[in-house]
Amino acid sequence: AKNLRHLTLVLTVNDLLADRIDSDEFRQRDPVEYLLDGPVAIDSEGQPVDLRLTHVLICGRSGAGKTSALLSVLSLAFDGPIDGPRPILYGVDPKIAEIAGGPARYLFDQVATEPAQIAELIHDVYEIVIARRGMSCHDRAPVFLVVDELVTVLAAGGDRKLAAAIEHDILEIQRLGRSHDVFLVATSLVVTKDTIGKLRDGFFTKVALALPNASDVDVL
């Protein structure tokens, strides 16, 4: 696929996550020189992996490191030179775990956990996109809609009306948001054509961590 980069994780006797990369040391060696554009990881050869923040989907089974990858991506908004308003983060966390119940909660301006709240918050972000049409880019802060467990969010607790509204607003945020400094960053445990089919092409960057099947990577 175009622009596909393969990273090799080297297996060791010990758990890879037991020997984490020190974030301060990483940033000293590979600083973010431009807001929303910089290194977020280290590859198997010890070289920094750069990412320009757009709409990002991070997939992997439980324990694969989705939260670490998520925080690395968001660090591009906070570790780089800030020339303008502080980034604004909105979080969606239906399982009340990584965002609402995790150590990164303090980063978020607002977090929704219940289906109705989630639909309202996502619609509010969509309204931000609409309101920014014609606004000078110097007057607006980057806005991030961070969605944990995207497939669960799309199901909306079985409420079809809410599910349709959520899917519509997310598709519009994907289509229009980037040009108005509104970005969608999502994680997903499940990767199938049925679950993320319509949204797949709207994610410009896709990160595949430990997935149960090789075919899951092809879906991405």
N, C-alpha and C. Protein backbone atom coordinates (compact mmCIF):
# COMPACT_ATOMS: atom_id res chain seq x y z
N ALA A 1 0.84 -1.18 0.00
CA ALA A 1 0.00 0.00 0.00
C ALA A 1 0.89 1.25 0.00
N LYS A 2 0.35 2.33 -0.51
CA LYS A 2 1.11 3.57 -0.60
C LYS A 2 1.42 4.11 0.79
N ASN A 3 2.65 4.56 0.98
CA ASN A 3 3.11 5.17 2.24
C ASN A 3 3.06 4.21 3.43
N LEU A 4 3.05 2.90 3.17
CA LEU A 4 3.04 1.93 4.26
C LEU A 4 4.46 1.69 4.74
N ARG A 5 4.68 1.83 6.04
CA ARG A 5 6.00 1.63 6.61
C ARG A 5 5.95 0.46 7.57
N HIS A 6 6.84 -0.51 7.37
CA HIS A 6 6.87 -1.69 8.22
C HIS A 6 7.91 -1.50 9.32
N LEU A 7 7.49 -1.71 10.56
CA LEU A 7 8.39 -1.62 11.70
C LEU A 7 8.53 -3.01 12.29
N THR A 8 9.73 -3.39 12.62
CA THR A 8 9.98 -4.71 13.18
C THR A 8 10.21 -4.60 14.68
N LEU A 9 9.41 -5.33 15.47
CA LEU A 9 9.62 -5.39 16.91
C LEU A 9 10.49 -6.61 17.20
N VAL A 10 11.61 -6.37 17.87
CA VAL A 10 12.55 -7.44 18.15
C VAL A 10 12.14 -8.13 19.45
N LEU A 11 11.90 -9.44 19.39
CA LEU A 11 11.49 -10.19 20.56
C LEU A 11 12.68 -10.43 21.49
N THR A 12 12.42 -10.31 22.78
CA THR A 12 13.46 -10.57 23.77
C THR A 12 12.93 -11.57 24.79
N VAL A 13 13.82 -12.03 25.67
CA VAL A 13 13.40 -12.98 26.69
C VAL A 13 12.42 -12.32 27.65
N ASN A 14 12.66 -11.05 27.97
CA ASN A 14 11.81 -10.35 28.91
C ASN A 14 10.68 -9.63 28.19
N ASP A 15 9.66 -9.25 28.93
CA ASP A 15 8.54 -8.50 28.39
C ASP A 15 9.06 -7.18 27.85
N LEU A 16 8.71 -6.88 26.60
CA LEU A 16 9.16 -5.62 26.00
C LEU A 16 8.71 -4.41 26.80
N LEU A 17 7.49 -4.47 27.34
CA LEU A 17 6.98 -3.32 28.07
C LEU A 17 7.62 -3.14 29.43
N ALA A 18 8.37 -4.15 29.87
CA ALA A 18 9.04 -4.04 31.17
C ALA A 18 10.23 -3.09 31.10
N ASP A 19 10.74 -2.84 29.90
CA ASP A 19 11.88 -1.95 29.72
C ASP A 19 11.43 -0.79 28.85
N ARG A 20 10.67 0.10 29.43
CA ARG A 20 10.07 1.18 28.67
C ARG A 20 11.11 2.25 28.33
N ILE A 21 10.83 2.97 27.26
CA ILE A 21 11.68 4.08 26.86
C ILE A 21 11.38 5.27 27.77
N ASP A 22 12.40 5.87 28.32
CA ASP A 22 12.22 7.04 29.16
C ASP A 22 11.79 8.22 28.28
N SER A 23 10.61 8.78 28.58
CA SER A 23 10.05 9.82 27.71
C SER A 23 10.89 11.09 27.69
N ASP A 24 11.44 11.47 28.86
CA ASP A 24 12.28 12.67 28.91
C ASP A 24 13.54 12.49 28.07
N GLU A 25 14.15 11.32 28.20
CA GLU A 25 15.35 11.03 27.41
C GLU A 25 15.03 11.00 25.92
N PHE A 26 13.87 10.43 25.57
CA PHE A 26 13.45 10.36 24.18
C PHE A 26 13.26 11.75 23.59
N ARG A 27 12.60 12.64 24.34
CA ARG A 27 12.33 13.97 23.84
C ARG A 27 13.60 14.83 23.77
N GLN A 28 14.54 14.59 24.68
CA GLN A 28 15.81 15.32 24.61
C GLN A 28 16.58 14.93 23.36
N ARG A 29 16.51 13.67 23.01
CA ARG A 29 17.24 13.19 21.84
C ARG A 29 16.52 13.52 20.55
N ASP A 30 15.19 13.40 20.57
CA ASP A 30 14.40 13.63 19.36
C ASP A 30 13.26 14.59 19.68
N PRO A 31 13.56 15.88 19.78
CA PRO A 31 12.53 16.85 20.14
C PRO A 31 11.51 17.07 19.02
N VAL A 32 10.31 17.53 19.43
CA VAL A 32 9.29 17.91 18.46
C VAL A 32 9.58 19.34 18.04
N GLU A 33 10.05 19.53 16.82
CA GLU A 33 10.44 20.85 16.35
C GLU A 33 9.28 21.64 15.77
N TYR A 34 8.23 20.93 15.34
CA TYR A 34 7.06 21.59 14.77
C TYR A 34 5.82 21.05 15.45
N LEU A 35 4.91 21.95 15.77
CA LEU A 35 3.66 21.54 16.41
C LEU A 35 2.92 20.55 15.52
N LEU A 36 2.52 19.41 16.10
CA LEU A 36 1.75 18.35 15.45
C LEU A 36 2.57 17.57 14.42
N ASP A 37 3.89 17.67 14.48
CA ASP A 37 4.71 16.98 13.49
C ASP A 37 6.04 16.62 14.14
N GLY A 38 6.28 15.31 14.37
CA GLY A 38 7.53 14.93 15.00
C GLY A 38 7.59 13.45 15.33
N PRO A 39 8.64 13.04 16.06
CA PRO A 39 8.82 11.62 16.40
C PRO A 39 7.87 11.17 17.50
N VAL A 40 7.36 9.94 17.35
CA VAL A 40 6.45 9.38 18.36
C VAL A 40 6.91 8.02 18.86
N ALA A 41 7.94 7.44 18.22
CA ALA A 41 8.38 6.10 18.61
C ALA A 41 9.81 5.88 18.11
N ILE A 42 10.34 4.71 18.47
CA ILE A 42 11.66 4.29 18.00
C ILE A 42 11.50 2.94 17.32
N ASP A 43 12.10 2.78 16.14
CA ASP A 43 11.96 1.52 15.43
C ASP A 43 12.99 0.50 15.90
N SER A 44 13.01 -0.67 15.26
CA SER A 44 13.86 -1.77 15.72
C SER A 44 15.35 -1.46 15.56
N GLU A 45 15.69 -0.45 14.77
CA GLU A 45 17.08 -0.06 14.59
C GLU A 45 17.45 1.16 15.43
N GLY A 46 16.54 1.56 16.31
CA GLY A 46 16.82 2.68 17.19
C GLY A 46 16.61 4.04 16.57
N GLN A 47 15.96 4.09 15.41
CA GLN A 47 15.74 5.36 14.73
C GLN A 47 14.33 5.90 15.05
N PRO A 48 14.21 7.23 15.16
CA PRO A 48 12.89 7.79 15.47
C PRO A 48 11.89 7.60 14.34
N VAL A 49 10.65 7.36 14.70
CA VAL A 49 9.56 7.22 13.74
C VAL A 49 8.73 8.50 13.80
N ASP A 50 8.76 9.26 12.72
CA ASP A 50 8.04 10.53 12.68
C ASP A 50 6.59 10.35 12.26
N LEU A 51 5.75 11.23 12.76
CA LEU A 51 4.34 11.20 12.39
C LEU A 51 3.83 12.63 12.30
N ARG A 52 3.14 12.94 11.22
CA ARG A 52 2.45 14.22 11.10
C ARG A 52 1.01 13.97 11.52
N LEU A 53 0.59 14.66 12.56
CA LEU A 53 -0.70 14.36 13.17
C LEU A 53 -1.85 14.75 12.25
N THR A 54 -2.63 13.76 11.89
CA THR A 54 -3.86 13.96 11.14
C THR A 54 -4.96 13.20 11.89
N HIS A 55 -5.80 12.49 11.18
CA HIS A 55 -6.74 11.58 11.85
C HIS A 55 -6.04 10.23 11.99
N VAL A 56 -5.98 9.71 13.22
CA VAL A 56 -5.17 8.53 13.52
C VAL A 56 -6.04 7.43 14.13
N LEU A 57 -5.86 6.19 13.64
CA LEU A 57 -6.51 5.02 14.22
C LEU A 57 -5.44 4.07 14.73
N ILE A 58 -5.53 3.70 16.01
CA ILE A 58 -4.58 2.79 16.65
C ILE A 58 -5.32 1.51 17.02
N CYS A 59 -4.89 0.38 16.46
CA CYS A 59 -5.58 -0.89 16.69
C CYS A 59 -4.65 -1.90 17.35
N GLY A 60 -5.23 -2.74 18.18
CA GLY A 60 -4.45 -3.79 18.83
C GLY A 60 -5.27 -4.46 19.91
N ARG A 61 -4.89 -5.69 20.22
CA ARG A 61 -5.62 -6.43 21.24
C ARG A 61 -5.28 -5.86 22.62
N SER A 62 -5.98 -6.33 23.64
CA SER A 62 -5.74 -5.86 25.01
C SER A 62 -4.30 -6.11 25.42
N GLY A 63 -3.67 -5.10 25.99
CA GLY A 63 -2.29 -5.23 26.43
C GLY A 63 -1.26 -4.98 25.35
N ALA A 64 -1.71 -4.60 24.15
CA ALA A 64 -0.77 -4.40 23.04
C ALA A 64 -0.04 -3.07 23.12
N GLY A 65 -0.54 -2.16 23.95
CA GLY A 65 0.12 -0.86 24.09
C GLY A 65 -0.61 0.28 23.40
N LYS A 66 -1.94 0.13 23.20
CA LYS A 66 -2.70 1.19 22.53
C LYS A 66 -2.64 2.51 23.29
N THR A 67 -2.72 2.43 24.62
CA THR A 67 -2.70 3.65 25.41
C THR A 67 -1.36 4.36 25.30
N SER A 68 -0.27 3.61 25.34
CA SER A 68 1.06 4.22 25.19
C SER A 68 1.19 4.88 23.82
N ALA A 69 0.69 4.19 22.78
CA ALA A 69 0.74 4.76 21.44
C ALA A 69 -0.12 6.02 21.35
N LEU A 70 -1.27 5.97 21.99
CA LEU A 70 -2.17 7.11 22.00
C LEU A 70 -1.51 8.33 22.64
N LEU A 71 -0.89 8.12 23.79
CA LEU A 71 -0.24 9.23 24.49
C LEU A 71 0.96 9.74 23.71
N SER A 72 1.66 8.86 23.01
CA SER A 72 2.78 9.29 22.18
C SER A 72 2.29 10.20 21.05
N VAL A 73 1.17 9.84 20.45
CA VAL A 73 0.61 10.67 19.39
C VAL A 73 0.17 12.02 19.93
N LEU A 74 -0.50 12.02 21.09
CA LEU A 74 -0.97 13.27 21.67
C LEU A 74 0.18 14.16 22.13
N SER A 75 1.33 13.55 22.40
CA SER A 75 2.48 14.34 22.84
C SER A 75 2.92 15.35 21.78
N LEU A 76 2.57 15.09 20.51
CA LEU A 76 2.91 16.04 19.46
C LEU A 76 2.20 17.38 19.65
N ALA A 77 1.10 17.35 20.39
CA ALA A 77 0.35 18.59 20.63
C ALA A 77 0.86 19.35 21.84
N PHE A 78 1.58 18.65 22.73
CA PHE A 78 1.98 19.28 23.99
C PHE A 78 3.49 19.43 24.15
N ASP A 79 4.27 18.63 23.45
CA ASP A 79 5.72 18.68 23.62
C ASP A 79 6.40 19.61 22.61
N GLY A 80 5.69 20.00 21.58
CA GLY A 80 6.28 20.86 20.57
C GLY A 80 6.17 22.32 20.93
N PRO A 81 6.77 23.20 20.10
CA PRO A 81 6.67 24.63 20.34
C PRO A 81 5.23 25.10 20.16
N ILE A 82 4.69 25.77 21.15
CA ILE A 82 3.32 26.25 21.10
C ILE A 82 3.32 27.74 20.77
N ASP A 83 2.84 28.08 19.60
CA ASP A 83 2.71 29.48 19.20
C ASP A 83 1.24 29.76 18.97
N GLY A 84 0.53 29.97 20.07
CA GLY A 84 -0.91 30.16 19.94
C GLY A 84 -1.64 29.53 21.11
N PRO A 85 -2.94 29.36 21.00
CA PRO A 85 -3.75 28.83 22.10
C PRO A 85 -3.38 27.38 22.45
N ARG A 86 -3.64 27.01 23.69
CA ARG A 86 -3.39 25.65 24.16
C ARG A 86 -4.32 24.67 23.44
N PRO A 87 -3.81 23.48 23.06
CA PRO A 87 -4.68 22.47 22.45
C PRO A 87 -5.84 22.09 23.37
N ILE A 88 -6.97 21.77 22.77
CA ILE A 88 -8.17 21.38 23.50
C ILE A 88 -8.44 19.91 23.23
N LEU A 89 -8.64 19.13 24.29
CA LEU A 89 -8.87 17.70 24.15
C LEU A 89 -10.25 17.32 24.66
N TYR A 90 -11.00 16.57 23.83
CA TYR A 90 -12.27 16.00 24.23
C TYR A 90 -12.12 14.48 24.18
N GLY A 91 -12.53 13.81 25.25
CA GLY A 91 -12.34 12.38 25.35
C GLY A 91 -13.65 11.60 25.37
N VAL A 92 -13.63 10.46 24.70
CA VAL A 92 -14.78 9.54 24.69
C VAL A 92 -14.28 8.20 25.20
N ASP A 93 -14.85 7.74 26.30
CA ASP A 93 -14.35 6.54 26.97
C ASP A 93 -15.51 5.71 27.50
N PRO A 94 -16.11 4.86 26.65
CA PRO A 94 -17.30 4.11 27.07
C PRO A 94 -17.04 3.09 28.17
N LYS A 95 -15.78 2.67 28.33
CA LYS A 95 -15.46 1.68 29.36
C LYS A 95 -14.91 2.32 30.63
N ILE A 96 -14.87 3.63 30.65
CA ILE A 96 -14.38 4.40 31.80
C ILE A 96 -13.04 3.82 32.25
N ALA A 97 -12.10 3.78 31.34
CA ALA A 97 -10.82 3.13 31.62
C ALA A 97 -9.64 4.04 31.29
N GLU A 98 -9.20 4.04 30.04
CA GLU A 98 -7.94 4.69 29.69
C GLU A 98 -7.98 6.20 29.75
N ILE A 99 -9.14 6.80 29.45
CA ILE A 99 -9.25 8.26 29.46
C ILE A 99 -9.89 8.75 30.75
N ALA A 100 -11.12 8.31 30.99
CA ALA A 100 -11.85 8.78 32.17
C ALA A 100 -11.24 8.28 33.47
N GLY A 101 -10.66 7.08 33.42
CA GLY A 101 -10.14 6.50 34.66
C GLY A 101 -8.63 6.38 34.72
N GLY A 102 -7.94 6.92 33.72
CA GLY A 102 -6.49 6.77 33.65
C GLY A 102 -5.74 8.01 34.08
N PRO A 103 -4.40 7.92 34.11
CA PRO A 103 -3.57 9.06 34.56
C PRO A 103 -3.60 10.24 33.61
N ALA A 104 -4.10 10.05 32.37
CA ALA A 104 -4.12 11.14 31.40
C ALA A 104 -5.40 11.98 31.50
N ARG A 105 -6.27 11.66 32.47
CA ARG A 105 -7.55 12.36 32.58
C ARG A 105 -7.37 13.87 32.68
N TYR A 106 -6.32 14.32 33.33
CA TYR A 106 -6.13 15.76 33.55
C TYR A 106 -5.86 16.51 32.25
N LEU A 107 -5.51 15.80 31.18
CA LEU A 107 -5.24 16.46 29.90
C LEU A 107 -6.52 16.91 29.20
N PHE A 108 -7.65 16.29 29.57
CA PHE A 108 -8.87 16.47 28.81
C PHE A 108 -9.76 17.56 29.40
N ASP A 109 -10.30 18.37 28.51
CA ASP A 109 -11.21 19.43 28.92
C ASP A 109 -12.59 18.90 29.23
N GLN A 110 -12.97 17.80 28.55
CA GLN A 110 -14.27 17.19 28.78
C GLN A 110 -14.20 15.73 28.38
N VAL A 111 -14.87 14.86 29.15
CA VAL A 111 -14.88 13.43 28.86
C VAL A 111 -16.32 12.91 28.95
N ALA A 112 -16.72 12.11 27.98
CA ALA A 112 -18.05 11.50 27.97
C ALA A 112 -17.91 9.98 28.05
N THR A 113 -18.83 9.34 28.78
CA THR A 113 -18.74 7.89 28.97
C THR A 113 -20.03 7.15 28.61
N GLU A 114 -21.18 7.80 28.71
CA GLU A 114 -22.46 7.16 28.40
C GLU A 114 -22.87 7.46 26.96
N PRO A 115 -23.61 6.55 26.30
CA PRO A 115 -23.95 6.73 24.88
C PRO A 115 -24.54 8.10 24.54
N ALA A 116 -25.51 8.57 25.33
CA ALA A 116 -26.13 9.87 25.03
C ALA A 116 -25.13 11.01 25.19
N GLN A 117 -24.31 10.94 26.25
CA GLN A 117 -23.27 11.96 26.45
C GLN A 117 -22.25 11.92 25.32
N ILE A 118 -21.89 10.72 24.91
CA ILE A 118 -20.90 10.56 23.84
C ILE A 118 -21.42 11.17 22.55
N ALA A 119 -22.67 10.88 22.20
CA ALA A 119 -23.25 11.44 20.98
C ALA A 119 -23.27 12.96 21.03
N GLU A 120 -23.61 13.50 22.20
CA GLU A 120 -23.67 14.96 22.36
C GLU A 120 -22.28 15.58 22.22
N LEU A 121 -21.28 14.96 22.84
CA LEU A 121 -19.92 15.50 22.79
C LEU A 121 -19.37 15.45 21.37
N ILE A 122 -19.57 14.33 20.69
CA ILE A 122 -19.08 14.21 19.31
C ILE A 122 -19.78 15.24 18.42
N HIS A 123 -21.06 15.46 18.65
CA HIS A 123 -21.78 16.47 17.86
C HIS A 123 -21.24 17.87 18.17
N ASP A 124 -20.89 18.12 19.42
CA ASP A 124 -20.31 19.42 19.78
C ASP A 124 -19.00 19.66 19.02
N VAL A 125 -18.19 18.61 18.89
CA VAL A 125 -16.93 18.74 18.14
C VAL A 125 -17.23 19.00 16.66
N TYR A 126 -18.22 18.32 16.13
CA TYR A 126 -18.64 18.57 14.75
C TYR A 126 -19.07 20.03 14.58
N GLU A 127 -19.78 20.56 15.56
CA GLU A 127 -20.23 21.96 15.50
C GLU A 127 -19.03 22.91 15.54
N ILE A 128 -17.96 22.52 16.23
CA ILE A 128 -16.74 23.34 16.23
C ILE A 128 -16.17 23.43 14.82
N VAL A 129 -16.17 22.29 14.13
CA VAL A 129 -15.68 22.28 12.75
C VAL A 129 -16.49 23.24 11.89
N ILE A 130 -17.81 23.19 12.00
CA ILE A 130 -18.68 24.05 11.20
C ILE A 130 -18.44 25.52 11.56
N ALA A 131 -18.31 25.81 12.84
CA ALA A 131 -18.14 27.20 13.29
C ALA A 131 -16.81 27.80 12.84
N ARG A 132 -15.83 26.94 12.55
CA ARG A 132 -14.50 27.44 12.19
C ARG A 132 -14.35 27.78 10.72
N ARG A 133 -15.35 27.56 9.95
CA ARG A 133 -15.27 27.92 8.54
C ARG A 133 -15.07 29.43 8.41
N GLY A 134 -14.02 29.82 7.73
CA GLY A 134 -13.74 31.24 7.54
C GLY A 134 -12.96 31.88 8.66
N MET A 135 -12.69 31.13 9.75
CA MET A 135 -11.92 31.67 10.87
C MET A 135 -10.44 31.61 10.56
N SER A 136 -9.70 32.65 10.95
CA SER A 136 -8.26 32.66 10.75
C SER A 136 -7.61 31.56 11.56
N CYS A 137 -6.64 30.87 10.94
CA CYS A 137 -5.97 29.76 11.62
C CYS A 137 -5.16 30.24 12.82
N HIS A 138 -4.83 31.53 12.88
CA HIS A 138 -4.05 32.06 14.00
C HIS A 138 -4.91 32.25 15.26
N ASP A 139 -6.21 32.19 15.09
CA ASP A 139 -7.11 32.46 16.21
C ASP A 139 -7.70 31.19 16.82
N ARG A 140 -7.29 30.03 16.33
CA ARG A 140 -7.94 28.82 16.80
C ARG A 140 -6.93 27.82 17.36
N ALA A 141 -7.33 27.17 18.44
CA ALA A 141 -6.49 26.14 19.05
C ALA A 141 -6.75 24.81 18.37
N PRO A 142 -5.72 23.95 18.28
CA PRO A 142 -5.98 22.60 17.78
C PRO A 142 -6.96 21.87 18.70
N VAL A 143 -7.90 21.17 18.12
CA VAL A 143 -8.89 20.42 18.89
C VAL A 143 -8.73 18.94 18.57
N PHE A 144 -8.71 18.11 19.62
CA PHE A 144 -8.56 16.67 19.45
C PHE A 144 -9.77 15.95 20.04
N LEU A 145 -10.41 15.15 19.21
CA LEU A 145 -11.45 14.25 19.69
C LEU A 145 -10.79 12.88 19.83
N VAL A 146 -10.63 12.43 21.06
CA VAL A 146 -9.93 11.17 21.34
C VAL A 146 -10.98 10.13 21.73
N VAL A 147 -11.09 9.09 20.91
CA VAL A 147 -12.13 8.08 21.10
C VAL A 147 -11.47 6.75 21.44
N ASP A 148 -11.71 6.27 22.65
CA ASP A 148 -11.21 4.96 23.05
C ASP A 148 -12.27 3.91 22.73
N GLU A 149 -11.84 2.78 22.17
CA GLU A 149 -12.74 1.69 21.79
C GLU A 149 -13.80 2.17 20.80
N LEU A 150 -13.36 2.52 19.62
CA LEU A 150 -14.21 3.09 18.58
C LEU A 150 -15.41 2.21 18.27
N VAL A 151 -15.22 0.90 18.18
CA VAL A 151 -16.32 0.01 17.81
C VAL A 151 -17.43 0.05 18.86
N THR A 152 -17.05 0.10 20.13
CA THR A 152 -18.04 0.21 21.20
C THR A 152 -18.81 1.51 21.09
N VAL A 153 -18.10 2.58 20.78
CA VAL A 153 -18.74 3.89 20.63
C VAL A 153 -19.74 3.88 19.49
N LEU A 154 -19.36 3.27 18.36
CA LEU A 154 -20.25 3.22 17.19
C LEU A 154 -21.51 2.41 17.46
N ALA A 155 -21.43 1.44 18.37
CA ALA A 155 -22.60 0.62 18.70
C ALA A 155 -23.63 1.39 19.51
N ALA A 156 -23.19 2.40 20.25
CA ALA A 156 -24.08 3.30 21.01
C ALA A 156 -25.01 2.55 21.95
N GLY A 157 -24.52 1.47 22.52
CA GLY A 157 -25.33 0.72 23.47
C GLY A 157 -26.56 0.09 22.86
N GLY A 158 -26.56 -0.12 21.53
CA GLY A 158 -27.69 -0.73 20.87
C GLY A 158 -28.76 0.25 20.40
N ASP A 159 -28.55 1.54 20.64
CA ASP A 159 -29.51 2.56 20.22
C ASP A 159 -29.21 2.96 18.77
N ARG A 160 -30.04 2.52 17.84
CA ARG A 160 -29.76 2.73 16.42
C ARG A 160 -29.77 4.20 16.03
N LYS A 161 -30.65 4.98 16.63
CA LYS A 161 -30.72 6.41 16.31
C LYS A 161 -29.43 7.11 16.75
N LEU A 162 -28.99 6.82 17.96
CA LEU A 162 -27.74 7.40 18.46
C LEU A 162 -26.56 6.93 17.61
N ALA A 163 -26.55 5.64 17.28
CA ALA A 163 -25.46 5.08 16.48
C ALA A 163 -25.35 5.78 15.13
N ALA A 164 -26.49 6.03 14.49
CA ALA A 164 -26.48 6.71 13.19
C ALA A 164 -25.97 8.14 13.33
N ALA A 165 -26.36 8.82 14.41
CA ALA A 165 -25.92 10.20 14.62
C ALA A 165 -24.41 10.25 14.90
N ILE A 166 -23.92 9.32 15.68
CA ILE A 166 -22.49 9.27 16.00
C ILE A 166 -21.68 9.00 14.73
N GLU A 167 -22.11 8.02 13.95
CA GLU A 167 -21.38 7.70 12.72
C GLU A 167 -21.37 8.89 11.76
N HIS A 168 -22.51 9.55 11.61
CA HIS A 168 -22.58 10.72 10.72
C HIS A 168 -21.60 11.80 11.15
N ASP A 169 -21.60 12.14 12.45
CA ASP A 169 -20.74 13.23 12.92
C ASP A 169 -19.27 12.87 12.81
N ILE A 170 -18.92 11.62 13.09
CA ILE A 170 -17.52 11.21 12.96
C ILE A 170 -17.07 11.28 11.51
N LEU A 171 -17.91 10.83 10.59
CA LEU A 171 -17.57 10.90 9.18
C LEU A 171 -17.36 12.35 8.73
N GLU A 172 -18.18 13.26 9.23
CA GLU A 172 -18.04 14.67 8.87
C GLU A 172 -16.79 15.29 9.49
N ILE A 173 -16.46 14.87 10.71
CA ILE A 173 -15.23 15.35 11.34
C ILE A 173 -14.02 14.86 10.55
N GLN A 174 -14.07 13.61 10.10
CA GLN A 174 -12.99 13.09 9.27
C GLN A 174 -12.88 13.87 7.96
N ARG A 175 -14.00 14.18 7.37
CA ARG A 175 -14.01 14.83 6.05
C ARG A 175 -13.58 16.29 6.11
N LEU A 176 -14.02 17.00 7.15
CA LEU A 176 -13.82 18.45 7.19
C LEU A 176 -12.85 18.92 8.27
N GLY A 177 -12.63 18.09 9.28
CA GLY A 177 -11.93 18.57 10.47
C GLY A 177 -10.49 19.00 10.26
N ARG A 178 -9.74 18.25 9.47
CA ARG A 178 -8.30 18.48 9.37
C ARG A 178 -7.99 19.90 8.89
N SER A 179 -8.75 20.40 7.94
CA SER A 179 -8.48 21.74 7.42
C SER A 179 -8.87 22.84 8.40
N HIS A 180 -9.55 22.44 9.49
CA HIS A 180 -9.93 23.41 10.51
C HIS A 180 -9.26 23.11 11.85
N ASP A 181 -8.17 22.35 11.81
CA ASP A 181 -7.40 22.00 13.01
C ASP A 181 -8.22 21.22 14.04
N VAL A 182 -9.07 20.35 13.55
CA VAL A 182 -9.83 19.44 14.41
C VAL A 182 -9.45 18.02 14.00
N PHE A 183 -8.92 17.25 14.95
CA PHE A 183 -8.34 15.94 14.63
C PHE A 183 -9.03 14.84 15.43
N LEU A 184 -9.19 13.70 14.78
CA LEU A 184 -9.77 12.51 15.42
C LEU A 184 -8.66 11.50 15.67
N VAL A 185 -8.52 11.09 16.92
CA VAL A 185 -7.55 10.06 17.29
C VAL A 185 -8.33 8.96 18.01
N ALA A 186 -8.33 7.76 17.45
CA ALA A 186 -9.17 6.68 17.99
C ALA A 186 -8.38 5.40 18.19
N THR A 187 -8.86 4.59 19.13
CA THR A 187 -8.30 3.25 19.32
C THR A 187 -9.41 2.23 19.08
N SER A 188 -8.99 1.02 18.70
CA SER A 188 -9.97 -0.04 18.48
C SER A 188 -9.36 -1.39 18.81
N LEU A 189 -10.14 -2.19 19.50
CA LEU A 189 -9.73 -3.56 19.82
C LEU A 189 -10.07 -4.49 18.66
N VAL A 190 -11.19 -4.21 17.98
CA VAL A 190 -11.70 -5.05 16.91
C VAL A 190 -11.45 -4.36 15.57
N VAL A 191 -10.95 -5.13 14.60
CA VAL A 191 -10.71 -4.59 13.26
C VAL A 191 -11.38 -5.49 12.23
N THR A 192 -12.53 -5.09 11.73
CA THR A 192 -13.19 -5.82 10.65
C THR A 192 -13.81 -4.80 9.70
N LYS A 193 -14.11 -5.26 8.48
CA LYS A 193 -14.76 -4.38 7.51
C LYS A 193 -16.13 -3.95 7.99
N ASP A 194 -16.80 -4.83 8.73
CA ASP A 194 -18.14 -4.50 9.21
C ASP A 194 -18.11 -3.41 10.28
N THR A 195 -17.04 -3.40 11.09
CA THR A 195 -17.02 -2.47 12.23
C THR A 195 -16.43 -1.10 11.89
N ILE A 196 -15.41 -1.06 11.05
CA ILE A 196 -14.79 0.23 10.74
C ILE A 196 -14.79 0.55 9.25
N GLY A 197 -15.57 -0.22 8.49
CA GLY A 197 -15.56 -0.09 7.03
C GLY A 197 -15.71 1.33 6.51
N LYS A 198 -16.78 2.02 6.92
CA LYS A 198 -17.04 3.36 6.41
C LYS A 198 -16.01 4.37 6.88
N LEU A 199 -15.45 4.14 8.05
CA LEU A 199 -14.54 5.12 8.64
C LEU A 199 -13.08 4.89 8.24
N ARG A 200 -12.79 3.74 7.67
CA ARG A 200 -11.40 3.34 7.43
C ARG A 200 -10.62 4.38 6.64
N ASP A 201 -11.14 4.80 5.50
CA ASP A 201 -10.39 5.70 4.63
C ASP A 201 -10.26 7.10 5.20
N GLY A 202 -11.06 7.43 6.21
CA GLY A 202 -10.97 8.76 6.82
C GLY A 202 -9.82 8.89 7.79
N PHE A 203 -9.20 7.77 8.15
CA PHE A 203 -8.01 7.81 9.02
C PHE A 203 -6.78 7.83 8.12
N PHE A 204 -6.06 8.94 8.12
CA PHE A 204 -4.90 9.07 7.24
C PHE A 204 -3.70 8.29 7.77
N THR A 205 -3.66 8.09 9.08
CA THR A 205 -2.59 7.30 9.69
C THR A 205 -3.21 6.17 10.48
N LYS A 206 -2.75 4.94 10.22
CA LYS A 206 -3.27 3.77 10.92
C LYS A 206 -2.10 3.03 11.56
N VAL A 207 -2.23 2.72 12.84
CA VAL A 207 -1.17 2.05 13.59
C VAL A 207 -1.68 0.68 14.00
N ALA A 208 -1.03 -0.38 13.51
CA ALA A 208 -1.41 -1.75 13.86
C ALA A 208 -0.42 -2.29 14.87
N LEU A 209 -0.89 -2.58 16.07
CA LEU A 209 -0.04 -3.18 17.10
C LEU A 209 -0.26 -4.69 17.06
N ALA A 210 -0.28 -5.35 18.18
CA ALA A 210 -0.46 -6.81 18.19
C ALA A 210 -1.92 -7.13 17.89
N LEU A 211 -2.16 -7.62 16.68
CA LEU A 211 -3.51 -8.00 16.26
C LEU A 211 -3.62 -9.52 16.18
N PRO A 212 -4.80 -10.08 16.48
CA PRO A 212 -4.93 -11.53 16.54
C PRO A 212 -4.74 -12.24 15.19
N ASN A 213 -5.05 -11.55 14.08
CA ASN A 213 -4.99 -12.20 12.78
C ASN A 213 -4.22 -11.32 11.78
N ALA A 214 -3.45 -11.96 10.91
CA ALA A 214 -2.71 -11.22 9.88
C ALA A 214 -3.67 -10.49 8.96
N SER A 215 -4.86 -11.03 8.75
CA SER A 215 -5.84 -10.41 7.86
C SER A 215 -6.33 -9.07 8.42
N ASP A 216 -6.23 -8.89 9.76
CA ASP A 216 -6.64 -7.62 10.35
C ASP A 216 -5.79 -6.46 9.82
N VAL A 217 -4.52 -6.73 9.57
CA VAL A 217 -3.64 -5.69 9.03
C VAL A 217 -4.09 -5.30 7.63
N ASP A 218 -4.51 -6.28 6.86
CA ASP A 218 -4.99 -6.00 5.50
C ASP A 218 -6.24 -5.15 5.52
N VAL A 219 -7.09 -5.35 6.53
CA VAL A 219 -8.30 -4.53 6.65
C VAL A 219 -7.93 -3.08 6.85
N LEU A 220 -6.88 -2.83 7.66
CA LEU A 220 -6.43 -1.47 7.88
C LEU A 220 -5.84 -0.89 6.62
